[in-house]
């Protein structure tokens, strides 16, 4: 072990300082498995002080670092940097406080998203942001990428539910951002930090806002004979004045995969399914349900089902929640893209994605948060076929450009990460990007925190899987 690593050995016991090739392999990639890099070391802190000491060590030795929770980032946001240090935060997974009177929970970054709602449930409360990965993804990662989820249509993204955070800056200084109050005093530094993709430090304690659980749900499954028609139905629902808790679309490939995986009972002849869920006080939901029934009937749905009880509601959502992983049954590999279009442009966007799929000769499954206009095309390819990964990436890029041309964004809830940094100039001017860089370098002049992510150009932090890894420390 070199002298610098020996210093880390004085911070961590051997079982929490991983340096052997076999120990590092599981950390070479995150959920964007097409890219990988081998870090110099992985450390597994259990306390804030260990995080502070590790970051200070990185600053002292000019070693880049990447914070990582469960590694579920689909944009390569938690890919390691070649020769850098991965700070694995899964052991910092405690619920520090739950105050039902104040409706807040304070958690460590490795606390699992779904566990927040489980802990709050006895008090009639829950945590609203619910990414599809909520049974495994951590609050620290959700904070870094401003994660969303099916029910963020009505309640907003992670940024709307984080009240405060204790943060270790890239030089090792610890600061408190935000507060326990809904109205914090001073500049909104927390707003700047949430969604900064690990470029401005590591959150070690996070204060979350809890909401009362809705009294009643009304869940509708509508089947369409075209994806475009389902997309247009979303715009019609919102234009009618309704604000559902969630609106999700699955296309025929996603339906096929979900049925094979969990047998949700979806109509398998549908070209697209729309799930709409109303929630709130019972009288309000009952009135809105009548309104929704008329809108869906006019939207061209050829079959409509309404969940009659909690079991039927759970079955409808089980298929949707399982869709991403289930698509793995259809292809050896796939890329999950993440872009946004205005809701009124969903129909044209989906039609163009179908055309691009045919042009590139690659199948595309669509499973997405339709109410937000947040597309999630899953591009199926076989990484063992020479050139297919590159074709899949090119198709993904075409979809991102389409989103921008239609007035949307290159990212919805997955962040930019490694995957989409080349497309930042499609959305932002050189002056915009330079301003973002100045903000980042004000905190991290040496760009040690999550180096190589989000900003276009510069050294790539990882290589496509299977390529040479270069020199390892």
Protein backbone atom coordinates (compact mmCIF):
# COMPACT_ATOMS: atom_id res chain seq x y z
CA UNK A 1 0.00 0.00 0.00
CA UNK A 2 1.43 3.38 -0.98
CA UNK A 3 2.04 6.01 1.73
CA UNK A 4 -1.05 8.03 0.85
CA UNK A 5 -3.30 4.98 1.12
CA UNK A 6 -1.64 4.18 4.43
CA UNK A 7 -3.08 7.45 5.71
CA UNK A 8 -6.55 6.23 4.75
CA UNK A 9 -5.71 3.06 6.61
CA UNK A 10 -5.44 5.13 9.78
CA UNK A 11 -9.01 6.38 9.25
CA UNK A 12 -10.65 3.07 8.35
CA UNK A 13 -10.31 -0.50 9.56
CA UNK A 14 -9.30 -2.95 6.83
CA UNK A 15 -12.86 -4.19 6.22
CA UNK A 16 -13.98 -0.64 5.32
CA UNK A 17 -11.02 0.29 3.08
CA UNK A 18 -11.28 -1.69 -0.14
CA UNK A 19 -8.22 -1.72 -2.41
CA UNK A 20 -8.00 -5.27 -3.81
CA UNK A 21 -9.17 -5.81 -7.43
CA UNK A 22 -11.87 -8.26 -6.35
CA UNK A 23 -13.19 -5.74 -3.82
CA UNK A 24 -13.21 -2.87 -6.32
CA UNK A 25 -14.96 -4.65 -9.19
CA UNK A 26 -18.55 -4.15 -7.85
CA UNK A 27 -17.88 -0.40 -7.69
CA UNK A 28 -16.51 0.01 -11.22
CA UNK A 29 -19.94 0.85 -12.61
CA UNK A 30 -23.35 2.06 -11.53
CA UNK A 31 -26.69 1.43 -13.27
CA UNK A 32 -25.24 2.82 -16.52
CA UNK A 33 -23.33 -0.41 -17.03
CA UNK A 34 -22.07 0.50 -20.50
CA UNK A 35 -19.29 2.48 -18.80
CA UNK A 36 -16.85 1.48 -16.10
CA UNK A 37 -13.65 2.61 -14.43
CA UNK A 38 -11.56 1.18 -11.61
CA UNK A 39 -11.10 3.45 -8.59
CA UNK A 40 -7.94 3.57 -6.52
CA UNK A 41 -9.92 2.67 -3.41
CA UNK A 42 -13.41 2.44 -1.95
CA UNK A 43 -14.03 3.65 1.60
CA UNK A 44 -17.14 2.87 3.63
CA UNK A 45 -17.59 5.62 6.26
CA UNK A 46 -19.98 5.22 9.18
CA UNK A 47 -19.71 8.73 10.59
CA UNK A 48 -19.64 12.33 9.38
CA UNK A 49 -16.14 12.69 10.78
CA UNK A 50 -14.91 9.83 8.57
CA UNK A 51 -16.42 11.54 5.51
CA UNK A 52 -14.72 14.81 6.51
CA UNK A 53 -11.35 13.10 7.00
CA UNK A 54 -11.66 11.30 3.64
CA UNK A 55 -12.56 14.45 1.71
CA UNK A 56 -9.73 16.34 3.43
CA UNK A 57 -7.36 13.50 2.47
CA UNK A 58 -8.52 13.78 -1.15
CA UNK A 59 -7.93 17.55 -1.11
CA UNK A 60 -4.48 17.10 0.45
CA UNK A 61 -3.39 14.51 -2.13
CA UNK A 62 -5.38 15.97 -5.07
CA UNK A 63 -7.32 12.73 -5.56
CA UNK A 64 -10.79 12.99 -7.14
CA UNK A 65 -13.67 11.42 -5.25
CA UNK A 66 -17.19 10.23 -6.02
CA UNK A 67 -19.94 9.77 -3.42
CA UNK A 68 -22.11 6.73 -3.99
CA UNK A 69 -25.18 5.21 -2.37
CA UNK A 70 -26.83 2.15 -3.92
CA UNK A 71 -25.34 2.90 -7.34
CA UNK A 72 -28.72 3.20 -9.09
CA UNK A 73 -27.79 6.26 -11.17
CA UNK A 74 -28.93 5.69 -14.75
CA UNK A 75 -26.90 8.61 -16.10
CA UNK A 76 -23.54 7.44 -14.80
CA UNK A 77 -23.57 10.04 -12.05
CA UNK A 78 -21.93 7.72 -9.53
CA UNK A 79 -19.42 6.12 -11.90
CA UNK A 80 -16.00 6.20 -10.27
CA UNK A 81 -13.16 8.27 -11.62
CA UNK A 82 -10.17 6.24 -12.80
CA UNK A 83 -7.67 6.30 -9.94
CA UNK A 84 -10.03 8.20 -7.64
CA UNK A 85 -11.77 7.28 -4.40
CA UNK A 86 -15.35 6.08 -4.08
CA UNK A 87 -17.00 7.14 -0.83
CA UNK A 88 -19.70 4.51 -0.32
CA UNK A 89 -22.40 5.88 1.97
CA UNK A 90 -24.64 2.83 2.43
CA UNK A 91 -23.51 2.36 6.04
CA UNK A 92 -24.63 5.88 6.92
CA UNK A 93 -28.23 4.70 6.80
CA UNK A 94 -29.86 5.77 10.06
CA UNK A 95 -33.12 7.59 10.67
CA UNK A 96 -31.87 10.29 13.03
CA UNK A 97 -35.22 11.86 13.88
CA UNK A 98 -38.89 11.69 12.96
CA UNK A 99 -41.10 14.47 14.31
CA UNK A 100 -44.76 13.94 13.35
CA UNK A 101 -45.77 17.29 14.86
CA UNK A 102 -43.31 19.19 12.68
CA UNK A 103 -43.83 16.66 9.85
CA UNK A 104 -40.12 16.20 9.27
CA UNK A 105 -37.65 13.34 9.13
CA UNK A 106 -33.87 13.69 9.46
CA UNK A 107 -31.91 10.91 7.79
CA UNK A 108 -28.38 10.00 6.83
CA UNK A 109 -27.56 9.88 3.08
CA UNK A 110 -27.64 6.08 2.83
CA UNK A 111 -31.23 5.85 4.11
CA UNK A 112 -33.46 4.16 1.53
CA UNK A 113 -36.22 6.29 -0.02
CA UNK A 114 -39.06 3.83 0.64
CA UNK A 115 -38.00 3.43 4.27
CA UNK A 116 -38.87 7.10 4.92
CA UNK A 117 -42.53 6.47 4.11
CA UNK A 118 -42.48 3.18 6.03
CA UNK A 119 -41.17 4.98 9.12
CA UNK A 120 -43.71 7.80 8.76
CA UNK A 121 -46.72 5.54 8.06
CA UNK A 122 -47.74 4.99 11.73
CA UNK A 123 -48.29 8.75 12.00
CA UNK A 124 -50.41 8.98 8.83
CA UNK A 125 -47.54 10.64 6.96
CA UNK A 126 -45.38 9.78 3.96
CA UNK A 127 -42.52 11.07 1.79
CA UNK A 128 -43.80 12.09 -1.65
CA UNK A 129 -40.89 11.71 -4.13
CA UNK A 130 -41.06 8.10 -5.34
CA UNK A 131 -38.56 7.20 -8.08
CA UNK A 132 -39.10 3.76 -9.58
CA UNK A 133 -35.96 2.68 -7.73
CA UNK A 134 -37.42 3.77 -4.36
CA UNK A 135 -37.06 0.31 -2.72
CA UNK A 136 -33.27 0.54 -3.19
CA UNK A 137 -32.21 4.11 -4.02
CA UNK A 138 -30.90 6.30 -1.23
CA UNK A 139 -31.97 9.75 -0.12
CA UNK A 140 -28.42 11.07 -0.65
CA UNK A 141 -28.54 10.06 -4.32
CA UNK A 142 -32.09 11.39 -4.69
CA UNK A 143 -30.84 14.73 -3.32
CA UNK A 144 -27.81 14.84 -5.63
CA UNK A 145 -29.93 14.26 -8.75
CA UNK A 146 -33.18 15.94 -7.67
CA UNK A 147 -35.02 12.69 -8.30
CA UNK A 148 -38.68 12.58 -9.21
CA UNK A 149 -41.16 9.76 -9.54
CA UNK A 150 -44.71 8.95 -10.51
CA UNK A 151 -46.32 11.20 -7.90
CA UNK A 152 -44.12 14.26 -8.48
CA UNK A 153 -46.65 15.58 -10.99
CA UNK A 154 -48.75 16.91 -8.11
CA UNK A 155 -46.16 17.35 -5.36
CA UNK A 156 -42.92 18.30 -7.12
CA UNK A 157 -39.44 16.81 -7.16
CA UNK A 158 -36.99 16.09 -4.34
CA UNK A 159 -36.05 19.79 -4.19
CA UNK A 160 -39.60 20.54 -3.02
CA UNK A 161 -39.26 18.14 -0.08
CA UNK A 162 -35.77 18.83 1.29
CA UNK A 163 -35.75 21.47 4.01
CA UNK A 164 -32.13 21.31 5.07
CA UNK A 165 -28.84 19.46 4.74
CA UNK A 166 -25.53 19.19 6.55
CA UNK A 167 -22.92 19.13 3.79
CA UNK A 168 -19.20 18.32 3.60
CA UNK A 169 -17.72 20.70 1.02
CA UNK A 170 -14.91 19.58 -1.31
CA UNK A 171 -12.25 21.05 1.01
CA UNK A 172 -13.61 19.19 4.05
CA UNK A 173 -15.49 22.12 5.62
CA UNK A 174 -18.91 21.22 7.08
CA UNK A 175 -21.80 23.65 6.48
CA UNK A 176 -25.53 23.68 7.24
CA UNK A 177 -27.81 24.59 4.33
CA UNK A 178 -31.50 25.45 4.71
CA UNK A 179 -33.31 24.82 7.98
CA UNK A 180 -36.19 22.87 9.52
CA UNK A 181 -38.54 25.67 8.53
CA UNK A 182 -40.39 26.04 5.24
CA UNK A 183 -39.07 29.60 5.03
CA UNK A 184 -35.29 29.62 5.34
CA UNK A 185 -33.39 32.88 5.84
CA UNK A 186 -30.78 34.20 3.42
CA UNK A 187 -29.63 33.07 -0.03
CA UNK A 188 -31.03 29.74 -1.17
CA UNK A 189 -27.76 27.77 -0.96
CA UNK A 190 -29.74 24.57 -0.43
CA UNK A 191 -31.55 25.20 -3.72
CA UNK A 192 -28.17 25.48 -5.42
CA UNK A 193 -26.93 22.26 -3.81
CA UNK A 194 -29.93 20.02 -4.54
CA UNK A 195 -29.49 18.53 -8.00
CA UNK A 196 -25.82 19.59 -8.28
CA UNK A 197 -24.89 15.96 -9.03
CA UNK A 198 -22.19 15.59 -6.41
CA UNK A 199 -20.14 18.50 -7.79
CA UNK A 200 -20.47 20.65 -4.67
CA UNK A 201 -19.91 18.20 -1.85
CA UNK A 202 -21.54 15.37 0.10
CA UNK A 203 -24.72 15.62 2.17
CA UNK A 204 -24.32 13.73 5.45
CA UNK A 205 -27.62 14.68 7.17
CA UNK A 206 -30.80 15.55 5.32
CA UNK A 207 -34.03 17.04 6.69
CA UNK A 208 -37.10 15.94 4.72
CA UNK A 209 -40.64 17.28 4.59
CA UNK A 210 -43.41 14.73 5.24
CA UNK A 211 -46.98 14.97 3.96
CA UNK A 212 -50.29 13.58 5.27
CA UNK A 213 -51.29 10.41 3.45
CA UNK A 214 -54.20 10.96 1.03
CA UNK A 215 -57.56 9.75 2.35
CA UNK A 216 -58.63 8.17 -0.94
CA UNK A 217 -57.13 7.00 -4.25
CA UNK A 218 -58.90 6.53 -7.60
CA UNK A 219 -56.72 4.61 -10.06
CA UNK A 220 -57.67 4.25 -13.73
CA UNK A 221 -56.05 2.09 -16.41
CA UNK A 222 -56.91 3.12 -20.00
CA UNK A 223 -55.87 1.17 -23.12
CA UNK A 224 -55.19 2.83 -26.50
CA UNK A 225 -54.54 1.59 -30.01
CA UNK A 226 -51.67 4.06 -30.53
CA UNK A 227 -48.93 5.60 -28.42
CA UNK A 228 -49.62 9.03 -29.88
CA UNK A 229 -53.29 8.82 -28.82
CA UNK A 230 -52.24 7.99 -25.24
CA UNK A 231 -49.82 10.93 -25.24
CA UNK A 232 -52.54 13.28 -26.41
CA UNK A 233 -54.83 11.99 -23.65
CA UNK A 234 -52.37 13.28 -21.05
CA UNK A 235 -52.60 16.79 -22.43
CA UNK A 236 -56.40 16.49 -22.46
CA UNK A 237 -56.53 15.46 -18.79
CA UNK A 238 -54.40 18.42 -17.69
CA UNK A 239 -56.23 20.84 -20.00
CA UNK A 240 -59.49 19.77 -18.35
CA UNK A 241 -58.31 21.32 -15.08
CA UNK A 242 -57.57 18.07 -13.26
CA UNK A 243 -54.26 17.63 -11.40
CA UNK A 244 -53.86 13.88 -10.79
CA UNK A 245 -51.34 12.53 -8.32
CA UNK A 246 -49.77 10.56 -11.16
CA UNK A 247 -50.08 9.94 -14.91
CA UNK A 248 -47.90 7.23 -16.45
CA UNK A 249 -47.67 5.71 -19.93
CA UNK A 250 -46.34 2.32 -21.02
CA UNK A 251 -46.06 1.24 -24.66
CA UNK A 252 -46.63 -2.25 -26.07
CA UNK A 253 -43.05 -3.43 -25.52
CA UNK A 254 -43.12 -2.32 -21.89
CA UNK A 255 -46.54 -3.97 -21.44
CA UNK A 256 -45.21 -7.22 -22.87
CA UNK A 257 -42.20 -7.15 -20.54
CA UNK A 258 -44.20 -6.22 -17.43
CA UNK A 259 -46.78 -8.93 -18.07
CA UNK A 260 -44.09 -11.55 -18.48
CA UNK A 261 -42.43 -10.42 -15.25
CA UNK A 262 -45.25 -9.74 -12.78
CA UNK A 263 -48.55 -10.62 -14.55
CA UNK A 264 -50.30 -7.38 -13.69
CA UNK A 265 -53.28 -8.30 -15.87
CA UNK A 266 -52.70 -5.55 -18.43
CA UNK A 267 -54.52 -5.80 -21.80
CA UNK A 268 -51.70 -7.22 -23.92
CA UNK A 269 -53.23 -6.14 -27.24
CA UNK A 270 -52.92 -2.44 -26.32
CA UNK A 271 -50.38 -0.29 -28.15
CA UNK A 272 -50.22 1.94 -25.07
CA UNK A 273 -51.57 2.09 -21.52
CA UNK A 274 -52.27 5.24 -19.53
CA UNK A 275 -52.41 5.03 -15.74
CA UNK A 276 -54.09 7.99 -14.04
CA UNK A 277 -54.36 8.24 -10.28
CA UNK A 278 -56.40 10.82 -8.39
CA UNK A 279 -55.79 11.26 -4.67
CA UNK A 280 -56.91 13.47 -1.81
CA UNK A 281 -59.97 13.97 0.38
CA UNK A 282 -62.80 11.56 -0.49
CA UNK A 283 -65.40 14.12 -1.69
CA UNK A 284 -62.81 15.83 -3.88
CA UNK A 285 -61.59 12.57 -5.42
CA UNK A 286 -65.14 11.34 -6.08
CA UNK A 287 -66.04 14.55 -7.92
CA UNK A 288 -62.81 14.51 -9.92
CA UNK A 289 -63.35 10.83 -10.82
CA UNK A 290 -66.57 11.69 -12.64
CA UNK A 291 -64.79 14.44 -14.53
CA UNK A 292 -61.88 12.13 -15.40
CA UNK A 293 -64.23 9.44 -16.68
CA UNK A 294 -65.63 11.88 -19.27
CA UNK A 295 -62.17 13.07 -20.37
CA UNK A 296 -60.83 9.53 -20.79
CA UNK A 297 -63.94 8.46 -22.71
CA UNK A 298 -63.42 11.35 -25.14
CA UNK A 299 -59.69 10.61 -25.55
CA UNK A 300 -60.21 7.48 -27.63
CA UNK A 301 -59.43 4.79 -25.03
CA UNK A 302 -60.93 1.47 -26.16
CA UNK A 303 -60.84 -0.12 -22.71
CA UNK A 304 -60.97 1.49 -19.27
CA UNK A 305 -60.53 -0.22 -15.89
CA UNK A 306 -60.90 1.32 -12.44
CA UNK A 307 -59.18 -0.27 -9.43
CA UNK A 308 -61.95 -1.40 -7.05
CA UNK A 309 -59.74 -1.88 -3.99
CA UNK A 310 -56.20 -1.53 -2.69
CA UNK A 311 -55.15 -4.90 -4.13
CA UNK A 312 -56.21 -3.96 -7.65
CA UNK A 313 -54.47 -0.58 -7.29
CA UNK A 314 -51.29 -2.30 -6.13
CA UNK A 315 -51.46 -4.70 -9.09
CA UNK A 316 -51.72 -1.84 -11.59
CA UNK A 317 -48.69 -0.12 -10.04
CA UNK A 318 -46.74 -3.34 -9.69
CA UNK A 319 -46.59 -3.68 -13.47
CA UNK A 320 -45.48 -0.08 -13.93
CA UNK A 321 -42.87 -0.20 -11.17
CA UNK A 322 -41.43 -3.45 -12.53
CA UNK A 323 -41.33 -2.28 -16.15
CA UNK A 324 -37.73 -1.02 -16.23
CA UNK A 325 -36.20 -4.21 -14.93
CA UNK A 326 -38.68 -6.35 -16.87
CA UNK A 327 -37.51 -4.89 -20.18
CA UNK A 328 -34.28 -6.77 -19.52
CA UNK A 329 -36.23 -9.87 -20.60
CA UNK A 330 -36.48 -8.46 -24.12
CA UNK A 331 -32.86 -7.64 -24.79
CA UNK A 332 -29.36 -8.38 -23.42
CA UNK A 333 -28.75 -4.65 -22.91
CA UNK A 334 -30.62 -1.39 -22.94
CA UNK A 335 -30.05 2.31 -22.35
CA UNK A 336 -32.59 4.24 -20.28
CA UNK A 337 -32.85 7.75 -21.65
CA UNK A 338 -34.38 10.63 -19.70
CA UNK A 339 -35.66 13.81 -21.32
CA UNK A 340 -38.61 16.17 -21.02
CA UNK A 341 -41.05 17.68 -23.51
CA UNK A 342 -44.01 19.98 -22.87
CA UNK A 343 -47.10 17.83 -22.21
CA UNK A 344 -48.78 19.25 -25.31
CA UNK A 345 -45.90 17.82 -27.40
CA UNK A 346 -46.04 14.27 -26.03
CA UNK A 347 -47.94 12.87 -28.99
CA UNK A 348 -45.59 14.29 -31.67
CA UNK A 349 -42.54 13.32 -29.59
CA UNK A 350 -43.65 9.70 -29.26
CA UNK A 351 -44.43 9.52 -32.97
CA UNK A 352 -40.92 10.77 -33.80
CA UNK A 353 -39.32 8.30 -31.37
CA UNK A 354 -41.14 5.49 -33.20
CA UNK A 355 -39.74 6.79 -36.50
CA UNK A 356 -36.21 7.02 -35.08
CA UNK A 357 -36.52 3.48 -33.76
CA UNK A 358 -37.26 2.24 -37.27
CA UNK A 359 -34.50 4.40 -38.78
CA UNK A 360 -31.84 2.99 -36.44
CA UNK A 361 -33.22 -0.54 -36.50
CA UNK A 362 -33.30 -0.69 -32.68
CA UNK A 363 -36.41 -1.37 -30.63
CA UNK A 364 -37.45 1.32 -28.15
CA UNK A 365 -39.72 0.66 -25.18
CA UNK A 366 -41.40 3.68 -23.60
CA UNK A 367 -42.26 3.82 -19.89
CA UNK A 368 -42.54 7.29 -18.50
CA UNK A 369 -43.98 9.98 -16.23
CA UNK A 370 -46.43 11.36 -18.77
CA UNK A 371 -47.90 13.99 -16.48
CA UNK A 372 -44.52 15.73 -16.25
CA UNK A 373 -43.73 15.20 -19.94
CA UNK A 374 -40.77 13.18 -18.64
CA UNK A 375 -39.88 10.60 -21.29
CA UNK A 376 -38.00 7.41 -20.49
CA UNK A 377 -37.33 5.65 -23.80
CA UNK A 378 -35.51 2.36 -23.20
CA UNK A 379 -33.28 1.65 -26.21
CA UNK A 380 -32.71 -2.08 -26.65
CA UNK A 381 -29.39 -3.32 -28.04
CA UNK A 382 -26.93 -6.19 -27.80
CA UNK A 383 -23.56 -5.07 -26.50
CA UNK A 384 -21.94 -8.17 -28.00
CA UNK A 385 -22.81 -7.00 -31.50
CA UNK A 386 -20.09 -4.67 -32.74
CA UNK A 387 -21.37 -1.12 -33.15
CA UNK A 388 -24.79 -1.59 -31.51
CA UNK A 389 -23.86 0.32 -28.34
CA UNK A 390 -22.69 3.26 -30.46
CA UNK A 391 -25.92 3.07 -32.48
CA UNK A 392 -27.97 3.04 -29.29
CA UNK A 393 -26.09 6.07 -27.97
CA UNK A 394 -26.61 7.91 -31.26
CA UNK A 395 -30.34 7.18 -31.12
CA UNK A 396 -30.43 8.35 -27.50
CA UNK A 397 -28.74 11.58 -28.59
CA UNK A 398 -31.33 12.13 -31.33
CA UNK A 399 -34.07 11.81 -28.71
CA UNK A 400 -32.39 14.38 -26.46
CA UNK A 401 -32.09 16.84 -29.35
CA UNK A 402 -35.75 16.22 -30.14
CA UNK A 403 -36.69 17.10 -26.56
CA UNK A 404 -34.82 20.43 -26.79
CA UNK A 405 -36.30 21.24 -30.22
CA UNK A 406 -39.80 20.71 -28.80
CA UNK A 407 -39.12 23.14 -25.96
CA UNK A 408 -38.12 20.60 -23.32
CA UNK A 409 -34.97 19.52 -21.52
CA UNK A 410 -32.20 16.91 -21.82
CA UNK A 411 -32.94 15.64 -18.34
CA UNK A 412 -35.96 15.07 -16.18
CA UNK A 413 -34.94 13.21 -13.05
CA UNK A 414 -31.81 11.19 -13.86
CA UNK A 415 -29.41 14.10 -14.05
CA UNK A 416 -26.72 14.70 -16.70
CA UNK A 417 -23.94 12.62 -15.21
CA UNK A 418 -21.57 10.91 -17.62
CA UNK A 419 -24.28 10.01 -20.08
CA UNK A 420 -25.55 13.37 -21.25
CA UNK A 421 -22.77 15.87 -20.67
CA UNK A 422 -22.04 16.11 -24.42
CA UNK A 423 -25.56 17.44 -24.95
CA UNK A 424 -25.37 20.32 -22.46
CA UNK A 425 -24.55 22.82 -25.26
CA UNK A 426 -27.85 21.89 -26.91
CA UNK A 427 -29.61 23.54 -23.98
CA UNK A 428 -27.16 26.04 -22.56
CA UNK A 429 -25.09 28.81 -24.11
CA UNK A 430 -21.33 29.07 -23.55
CA UNK A 431 -21.99 31.89 -21.08
CA UNK A 432 -24.48 29.71 -19.14
CA UNK A 433 -21.98 26.87 -18.90
CA UNK A 434 -19.15 29.21 -17.93
CA UNK A 435 -21.28 30.62 -15.11
CA UNK A 436 -22.05 27.12 -13.82
CA UNK A 437 -18.35 26.29 -13.92
CA UNK A 438 -17.47 29.43 -11.97
CA UNK A 439 -19.98 28.50 -9.27
CA UNK A 440 -18.60 24.99 -9.07
CA UNK A 441 -14.95 26.14 -8.96
CA UNK A 442 -15.75 28.66 -6.23
CA UNK A 443 -16.24 25.62 -3.98
CA UNK A 444 -13.96 23.14 -5.70
CA UNK A 445 -11.18 24.89 -7.66
CA UNK A 446 -9.40 21.59 -8.34
CA UNK A 447 -12.58 19.83 -9.49
CA UNK A 448 -12.09 16.87 -7.18
CA UNK A 449 -15.78 16.22 -6.45
CA UNK A 450 -17.28 13.94 -9.13
CA UNK A 451 -14.71 15.08 -11.68
CA UNK A 452 -15.62 14.73 -15.34
CA UNK A 453 -19.39 14.66 -14.82
CA UNK A 454 -22.07 17.02 -16.12
CA UNK A 455 -19.86 19.54 -17.95
CA UNK A 456 -19.01 18.86 -21.61
CA UNK A 457 -15.40 18.39 -22.65
CA UNK A 458 -12.51 17.57 -20.36
CA UNK A 459 -11.27 14.16 -19.42
CA UNK A 460 -13.85 11.38 -19.53
CA UNK A 461 -14.15 9.74 -16.10
CA UNK A 462 -14.84 6.27 -17.47
CA UNK A 463 -14.54 4.14 -20.58
CA UNK A 464 -17.10 2.01 -22.37
CA UNK A 465 -17.20 -1.42 -20.77
CA UNK A 466 -14.59 -3.75 -22.17
CA UNK A 467 -12.13 -1.06 -23.27
CA UNK A 468 -8.73 -0.74 -21.70
CA UNK A 469 -8.62 0.87 -18.29
CA UNK A 470 -5.32 2.65 -18.62
CA UNK A 471 -2.92 2.87 -15.74
CA UNK A 472 -4.19 1.83 -12.36
CA UNK A 473 -2.69 3.15 -9.21
